[in-house]
Amino acid sequence: MTTEHPEFVRFPLVDGGSVLVEVDERPGVARAGRSSARVLQEARTTFEQAVAGVRDAASAALAQFASMTRAPDEVELKFGLKLDAEAGAVIARTGVQGQFEVKLRWRRDNAPVEEEAVEEP
């Protein structure tokens, strides 16, 4: 019987210090000498560098909606982040696909807000 033990990744912060993140245990062969000890890995990038790639993706998606012929008054992007020691920050998947939840809102003069929800795989 195998017991899952939390693994942690330490992401250094640009201005000093670090943030410790619990990550999913990698499937496969267990590390030698591993009993109930927690595993601590050091990230290859800073926390800010890891999140910057996802921030850039969100910015690019936002730019696409803002450039619509009739641009919405509000755009809401919603997605999950996963942090990994090697990959940094990635957009978390649901099921077998990554997913953004997008809400676009248009306002008419003195009218209630219209809302359209779009889900991107």
N, C-alpha and C. Protein backbone atom coordinates (compact mmCIF):
# COMPACT_ATOMS: atom_id res chain seq x y z
N MET A 1 0.84 -1.18 0.00
CA MET A 1 0.00 0.00 0.00
C MET A 1 0.88 1.24 0.00
N THR A 2 0.64 2.15 -0.93
CA THR A 2 1.44 3.37 -0.98
C THR A 2 0.66 4.52 -0.38
N THR A 3 1.38 5.33 0.35
CA THR A 3 0.77 6.51 0.96
C THR A 3 1.33 7.74 0.29
N GLU A 4 0.47 8.65 -0.10
CA GLU A 4 0.94 9.87 -0.72
C GLU A 4 1.42 10.83 0.36
N HIS A 5 2.57 11.44 0.11
CA HIS A 5 3.13 12.43 1.00
C HIS A 5 3.27 13.73 0.23
N PRO A 6 3.00 14.82 0.86
CA PRO A 6 3.09 16.08 0.12
C PRO A 6 4.52 16.38 -0.32
N GLU A 7 4.61 16.99 -1.50
CA GLU A 7 5.88 17.49 -1.99
C GLU A 7 5.77 18.99 -2.03
N PHE A 8 6.88 19.65 -1.80
CA PHE A 8 6.89 21.11 -1.78
C PHE A 8 7.96 21.63 -2.72
N VAL A 9 7.68 22.79 -3.30
CA VAL A 9 8.65 23.48 -4.14
C VAL A 9 8.86 24.85 -3.52
N ARG A 10 10.13 25.21 -3.34
CA ARG A 10 10.45 26.54 -2.82
C ARG A 10 10.77 27.45 -4.01
N PHE A 11 9.93 28.50 -4.18
CA PHE A 11 10.16 29.49 -5.22
C PHE A 11 10.78 30.72 -4.57
N PRO A 12 12.00 31.10 -4.99
CA PRO A 12 12.58 32.32 -4.44
C PRO A 12 11.81 33.54 -4.94
N LEU A 13 11.79 34.60 -4.13
CA LEU A 13 11.16 35.86 -4.52
C LEU A 13 12.24 36.83 -4.97
N VAL A 14 11.95 37.66 -5.96
CA VAL A 14 12.92 38.60 -6.50
C VAL A 14 13.51 39.49 -5.42
N ASP A 15 12.68 39.99 -4.52
CA ASP A 15 13.14 40.91 -3.48
C ASP A 15 13.67 40.21 -2.23
N GLY A 16 13.89 38.91 -2.33
CA GLY A 16 14.39 38.15 -1.19
C GLY A 16 13.30 37.30 -0.57
N GLY A 17 13.71 36.30 0.16
CA GLY A 17 12.75 35.38 0.75
C GLY A 17 12.30 34.35 -0.27
N SER A 18 11.28 33.62 0.08
CA SER A 18 10.77 32.59 -0.83
C SER A 18 9.34 32.26 -0.44
N VAL A 19 8.67 31.55 -1.34
CA VAL A 19 7.33 31.06 -1.06
C VAL A 19 7.36 29.55 -1.27
N LEU A 20 6.78 28.81 -0.34
CA LEU A 20 6.75 27.36 -0.38
C LEU A 20 5.39 26.94 -0.92
N VAL A 21 5.40 26.09 -1.96
CA VAL A 21 4.17 25.68 -2.63
C VAL A 21 4.04 24.17 -2.57
N GLU A 22 2.88 23.68 -2.14
CA GLU A 22 2.63 22.24 -2.16
C GLU A 22 2.25 21.84 -3.57
N VAL A 23 2.88 20.80 -4.09
CA VAL A 23 2.62 20.34 -5.45
C VAL A 23 2.21 18.88 -5.43
N ASP A 24 1.61 18.42 -6.52
CA ASP A 24 1.23 17.02 -6.65
C ASP A 24 2.48 16.16 -6.71
N GLU A 25 2.40 15.01 -6.08
CA GLU A 25 3.50 14.05 -6.13
C GLU A 25 3.57 13.51 -7.55
N ARG A 26 4.78 13.41 -8.07
CA ARG A 26 4.95 12.89 -9.43
C ARG A 26 4.73 11.38 -9.43
N PRO A 27 3.96 10.89 -10.41
CA PRO A 27 3.76 9.44 -10.49
C PRO A 27 5.05 8.76 -10.94
N GLY A 28 5.15 7.48 -10.63
CA GLY A 28 6.32 6.73 -11.07
C GLY A 28 7.04 6.11 -9.91
N VAL A 29 8.31 5.90 -10.09
CA VAL A 29 9.12 5.23 -9.09
C VAL A 29 9.33 6.14 -7.89
N ALA A 30 9.16 5.58 -6.71
CA ALA A 30 9.38 6.34 -5.47
C ALA A 30 10.87 6.58 -5.28
N ARG A 31 11.22 7.69 -4.67
CA ARG A 31 12.61 8.01 -4.40
C ARG A 31 13.16 7.08 -3.32
N ALA A 32 14.42 6.72 -3.46
CA ALA A 32 15.07 5.85 -2.48
C ALA A 32 15.11 6.53 -1.12
N GLY A 33 14.94 5.74 -0.08
CA GLY A 33 15.03 6.27 1.27
C GLY A 33 13.85 7.13 1.67
N ARG A 34 12.79 7.08 0.91
CA ARG A 34 11.64 7.93 1.18
C ARG A 34 10.64 7.17 2.04
N SER A 35 10.43 7.64 3.22
CA SER A 35 9.42 7.01 4.07
C SER A 35 8.27 7.99 4.18
N SER A 36 8.07 8.54 5.36
CA SER A 36 7.00 9.50 5.53
C SER A 36 7.52 10.93 5.41
N ALA A 37 8.78 11.09 4.98
CA ALA A 37 9.38 12.42 4.88
C ALA A 37 8.75 13.20 3.73
N ARG A 38 8.67 14.50 3.92
CA ARG A 38 8.19 15.37 2.85
C ARG A 38 9.36 15.71 1.95
N VAL A 39 9.09 15.86 0.67
CA VAL A 39 10.13 16.17 -0.29
C VAL A 39 10.10 17.66 -0.57
N LEU A 40 11.26 18.30 -0.54
CA LEU A 40 11.38 19.72 -0.83
C LEU A 40 12.27 19.89 -2.05
N GLN A 41 11.74 20.55 -3.08
CA GLN A 41 12.51 20.83 -4.28
C GLN A 41 12.73 22.33 -4.40
N GLU A 42 13.80 22.71 -5.05
CA GLU A 42 14.05 24.11 -5.32
C GLU A 42 13.60 24.40 -6.75
N ALA A 43 12.84 25.46 -6.93
CA ALA A 43 12.35 25.83 -8.26
C ALA A 43 13.51 26.35 -9.11
N ARG A 44 13.39 26.20 -10.41
CA ARG A 44 14.42 26.68 -11.33
C ARG A 44 14.29 28.17 -11.62
N THR A 45 13.15 28.76 -11.30
CA THR A 45 12.93 30.18 -11.55
C THR A 45 12.37 30.83 -10.30
N THR A 46 12.33 32.16 -10.30
CA THR A 46 11.68 32.84 -9.19
C THR A 46 10.18 32.72 -9.35
N PHE A 47 9.47 32.98 -8.29
CA PHE A 47 8.00 32.96 -8.33
C PHE A 47 7.49 33.95 -9.37
N GLU A 48 8.09 35.14 -9.37
CA GLU A 48 7.65 36.18 -10.31
C GLU A 48 7.88 35.76 -11.76
N GLN A 49 9.02 35.11 -12.05
CA GLN A 49 9.29 34.64 -13.40
C GLN A 49 8.31 33.53 -13.79
N ALA A 50 7.99 32.65 -12.85
CA ALA A 50 7.06 31.56 -13.13
C ALA A 50 5.68 32.10 -13.49
N VAL A 51 5.20 33.08 -12.73
CA VAL A 51 3.86 33.62 -12.95
C VAL A 51 3.82 34.54 -14.17
N ALA A 52 4.96 35.13 -14.55
CA ALA A 52 5.01 36.08 -15.67
C ALA A 52 4.52 35.47 -16.98
N GLY A 53 4.86 34.22 -17.24
CA GLY A 53 4.41 33.58 -18.48
C GLY A 53 2.91 33.46 -18.55
N VAL A 54 2.28 33.09 -17.44
CA VAL A 54 0.82 32.98 -17.40
C VAL A 54 0.19 34.37 -17.48
N ARG A 55 0.82 35.35 -16.83
CA ARG A 55 0.34 36.74 -16.90
C ARG A 55 0.34 37.20 -18.35
N ASP A 56 1.40 36.88 -19.10
CA ASP A 56 1.48 37.27 -20.50
C ASP A 56 0.39 36.60 -21.33
N ALA A 57 0.09 35.34 -21.03
CA ALA A 57 -0.99 34.63 -21.74
C ALA A 57 -2.34 35.29 -21.47
N ALA A 58 -2.58 35.66 -20.20
CA ALA A 58 -3.84 36.33 -19.86
C ALA A 58 -3.93 37.68 -20.55
N SER A 59 -2.82 38.40 -20.62
CA SER A 59 -2.79 39.70 -21.29
C SER A 59 -3.10 39.56 -22.79
N ALA A 60 -2.54 38.53 -23.42
CA ALA A 60 -2.80 38.28 -24.84
C ALA A 60 -4.27 37.94 -25.08
N ALA A 61 -4.86 37.13 -24.20
CA ALA A 61 -6.28 36.79 -24.34
C ALA A 61 -7.13 38.04 -24.16
N LEU A 62 -6.81 38.85 -23.16
CA LEU A 62 -7.55 40.08 -22.92
C LEU A 62 -7.48 41.01 -24.13
N ALA A 63 -6.30 41.13 -24.75
CA ALA A 63 -6.14 41.98 -25.92
C ALA A 63 -7.04 41.52 -27.06
N GLN A 64 -7.23 40.22 -27.21
CA GLN A 64 -8.10 39.71 -28.27
C GLN A 64 -9.55 40.13 -28.05
N PHE A 65 -10.03 40.05 -26.82
CA PHE A 65 -11.40 40.45 -26.54
C PHE A 65 -11.57 41.96 -26.62
N ALA A 66 -10.57 42.71 -26.20
CA ALA A 66 -10.65 44.18 -26.24
C ALA A 66 -10.63 44.70 -27.67
N SER A 67 -10.08 43.92 -28.61
CA SER A 67 -10.00 44.37 -30.00
C SER A 67 -11.23 43.98 -30.82
N MET A 68 -12.25 43.44 -30.18
CA MET A 68 -13.48 43.08 -30.89
C MET A 68 -14.12 44.33 -31.49
N THR A 69 -14.86 44.17 -32.58
CA THR A 69 -15.54 45.30 -33.22
C THR A 69 -16.37 46.07 -32.20
N ARG A 70 -17.11 45.36 -31.41
CA ARG A 70 -17.86 45.98 -30.31
C ARG A 70 -17.27 45.44 -29.01
N ALA A 71 -16.22 46.09 -28.56
CA ALA A 71 -15.48 45.63 -27.38
C ALA A 71 -16.38 45.63 -26.15
N PRO A 72 -16.26 44.63 -25.32
CA PRO A 72 -17.06 44.59 -24.10
C PRO A 72 -16.60 45.67 -23.11
N ASP A 73 -17.52 46.09 -22.24
CA ASP A 73 -17.17 47.03 -21.18
C ASP A 73 -16.35 46.35 -20.09
N GLU A 74 -16.57 45.06 -19.91
CA GLU A 74 -15.82 44.30 -18.91
C GLU A 74 -15.45 42.94 -19.48
N VAL A 75 -14.26 42.49 -19.15
CA VAL A 75 -13.80 41.16 -19.51
C VAL A 75 -13.27 40.51 -18.23
N GLU A 76 -13.74 39.32 -17.96
CA GLU A 76 -13.26 38.57 -16.80
C GLU A 76 -12.67 37.26 -17.28
N LEU A 77 -11.39 37.05 -17.01
CA LEU A 77 -10.73 35.79 -17.33
C LEU A 77 -10.54 35.02 -16.03
N LYS A 78 -10.88 33.75 -16.06
CA LYS A 78 -10.76 32.94 -14.85
C LYS A 78 -10.10 31.62 -15.24
N PHE A 79 -9.03 31.29 -14.52
CA PHE A 79 -8.35 30.02 -14.78
C PHE A 79 -7.53 29.65 -13.57
N GLY A 80 -7.18 28.40 -13.48
CA GLY A 80 -6.38 27.92 -12.36
C GLY A 80 -4.90 27.87 -12.73
N LEU A 81 -4.05 28.05 -11.74
CA LEU A 81 -2.60 27.95 -11.93
C LEU A 81 -2.08 26.73 -11.19
N LYS A 82 -1.13 26.05 -11.81
CA LYS A 82 -0.39 25.00 -11.13
C LYS A 82 1.07 25.43 -11.14
N LEU A 83 1.74 25.21 -10.04
CA LEU A 83 3.16 25.54 -9.95
C LEU A 83 3.96 24.25 -9.93
N ASP A 84 5.08 24.26 -10.66
CA ASP A 84 5.92 23.08 -10.79
C ASP A 84 7.38 23.52 -10.69
N ALA A 85 8.21 22.72 -10.06
CA ALA A 85 9.62 23.08 -9.86
C ALA A 85 10.35 23.30 -11.18
N GLU A 86 10.03 22.51 -12.19
CA GLU A 86 10.74 22.61 -13.46
C GLU A 86 10.03 23.52 -14.45
N ALA A 87 8.71 23.42 -14.53
CA ALA A 87 7.97 24.18 -15.55
C ALA A 87 7.59 25.58 -15.08
N GLY A 88 7.62 25.83 -13.80
CA GLY A 88 7.17 27.13 -13.29
C GLY A 88 5.67 27.11 -13.13
N ALA A 89 4.99 28.16 -13.58
CA ALA A 89 3.53 28.23 -13.47
C ALA A 89 2.92 27.81 -14.80
N VAL A 90 1.89 27.00 -14.73
CA VAL A 90 1.16 26.57 -15.92
C VAL A 90 -0.33 26.72 -15.65
N ILE A 91 -1.09 26.84 -16.72
CA ILE A 91 -2.54 26.91 -16.57
C ILE A 91 -3.03 25.50 -16.27
N ALA A 92 -3.73 25.36 -15.16
CA ALA A 92 -4.20 24.05 -14.72
C ALA A 92 -5.25 23.51 -15.67
N ARG A 93 -5.29 22.23 -15.80
CA ARG A 93 -6.28 21.62 -16.68
C ARG A 93 -7.44 21.07 -15.87
N THR A 94 -8.57 20.96 -16.54
CA THR A 94 -9.72 20.30 -15.94
C THR A 94 -10.04 19.15 -16.87
N GLY A 95 -10.12 17.95 -16.36
CA GLY A 95 -10.32 16.80 -17.22
C GLY A 95 -9.07 16.59 -18.06
N VAL A 96 -9.23 16.51 -19.38
CA VAL A 96 -8.10 16.30 -20.26
C VAL A 96 -7.70 17.56 -21.00
N GLN A 97 -8.35 18.69 -20.72
CA GLN A 97 -8.05 19.92 -21.43
C GLN A 97 -7.77 21.06 -20.46
N GLY A 98 -6.95 21.99 -20.91
CA GLY A 98 -6.79 23.24 -20.17
C GLY A 98 -8.05 24.06 -20.37
N GLN A 99 -8.30 25.01 -19.52
CA GLN A 99 -9.56 25.73 -19.65
C GLN A 99 -9.45 27.15 -19.14
N PHE A 100 -10.00 28.07 -19.89
CA PHE A 100 -10.24 29.45 -19.45
C PHE A 100 -11.74 29.58 -19.31
N GLU A 101 -12.18 30.29 -18.33
CA GLU A 101 -13.58 30.70 -18.27
C GLU A 101 -13.56 32.20 -18.55
N VAL A 102 -14.34 32.62 -19.53
CA VAL A 102 -14.32 34.01 -19.97
C VAL A 102 -15.73 34.58 -19.85
N LYS A 103 -15.85 35.75 -19.23
CA LYS A 103 -17.12 36.46 -19.17
C LYS A 103 -16.93 37.82 -19.82
N LEU A 104 -17.80 38.14 -20.75
CA LEU A 104 -17.77 39.42 -21.44
C LEU A 104 -19.06 40.16 -21.08
N ARG A 105 -18.95 41.46 -20.78
CA ARG A 105 -20.12 42.25 -20.40
C ARG A 105 -20.16 43.53 -21.22
N TRP A 106 -21.36 43.84 -21.72
CA TRP A 106 -21.60 45.08 -22.43
C TRP A 106 -22.66 45.86 -21.67
N ARG A 107 -22.51 47.16 -21.61
CA ARG A 107 -23.50 48.02 -20.96
C ARG A 107 -24.11 48.94 -22.00
N ARG A 108 -25.40 49.09 -21.92
CA ARG A 108 -26.09 50.09 -22.73
C ARG A 108 -26.41 51.25 -21.82
N ASP A 109 -26.59 52.42 -22.36
CA ASP A 109 -26.96 53.57 -21.53
C ASP A 109 -28.21 53.26 -20.73
N ASN A 110 -28.10 53.34 -19.40
CA ASN A 110 -29.20 53.13 -18.46
C ASN A 110 -29.89 51.78 -18.59
N ALA A 111 -29.21 50.80 -19.12
CA ALA A 111 -29.80 49.47 -19.26
C ALA A 111 -29.02 48.50 -18.38
N PRO A 112 -29.65 47.40 -17.98
CA PRO A 112 -28.91 46.41 -17.19
C PRO A 112 -27.78 45.80 -18.01
N VAL A 113 -26.82 45.25 -17.33
CA VAL A 113 -25.65 44.66 -17.97
C VAL A 113 -26.04 43.40 -18.72
N GLU A 114 -25.60 43.30 -19.98
CA GLU A 114 -25.74 42.06 -20.74
C GLU A 114 -24.51 41.23 -20.44
N GLU A 115 -24.67 39.93 -20.37
CA GLU A 115 -23.53 39.07 -20.05
C GLU A 115 -23.49 37.89 -20.99
N GLU A 116 -22.30 37.57 -21.45
CA GLU A 116 -22.11 36.41 -22.30
C GLU A 116 -20.94 35.61 -21.74
N ALA A 117 -21.15 34.36 -21.46
CA ALA A 117 -20.06 33.52 -20.93
C ALA A 117 -19.52 32.66 -22.06
N VAL A 118 -18.22 32.58 -22.16
CA VAL A 118 -17.55 31.78 -23.18
C VAL A 118 -16.57 30.88 -22.47
N GLU A 119 -16.55 29.60 -22.79
CA GLU A 119 -15.58 28.69 -22.23
C GLU A 119 -14.65 28.24 -23.34
N GLU A 120 -13.36 28.37 -23.10
CA GLU A 120 -12.35 27.97 -24.07
C GLU A 120 -11.66 26.69 -23.59
N PRO A 121 -11.57 25.66 -24.41
CA PRO A 121 -10.82 24.48 -24.00
C PRO A 121 -9.34 24.73 -24.06
